[in-house]
Amino acid sequence: MADLFLLLASVVAVALIIERSISLRERKIIPPTLLGQVIMVYQRQGVNEEVLQKLAKDSPLGTVLSAACAITGARATS
């Protein structure tokens, strides 16, 4: 009985590892051109609500960069 439980737990663990590997692909989290695009838009337009919302929707890293740009923009205008 314990062997069956151990086997089942191992299969579930492997399934979870495979699922996380697929869903957390690096290109999805950190798109290769994201940083360059953020810098270019920031230099051209500065920080505005529309740019921050679009950036936050692009990827998980975009959400972080959006927050950083919002803070930087708030300090620059203060």
Foldseek 3Di string as FASTA:
>chain_A
DVVVVVVVVVVVVVVVVVVCCVVPPPCQAPPPCLVVVVVVCCVPPNDDPVVLVVQCPRHVVSPVVSVVSVVVSVVVVD
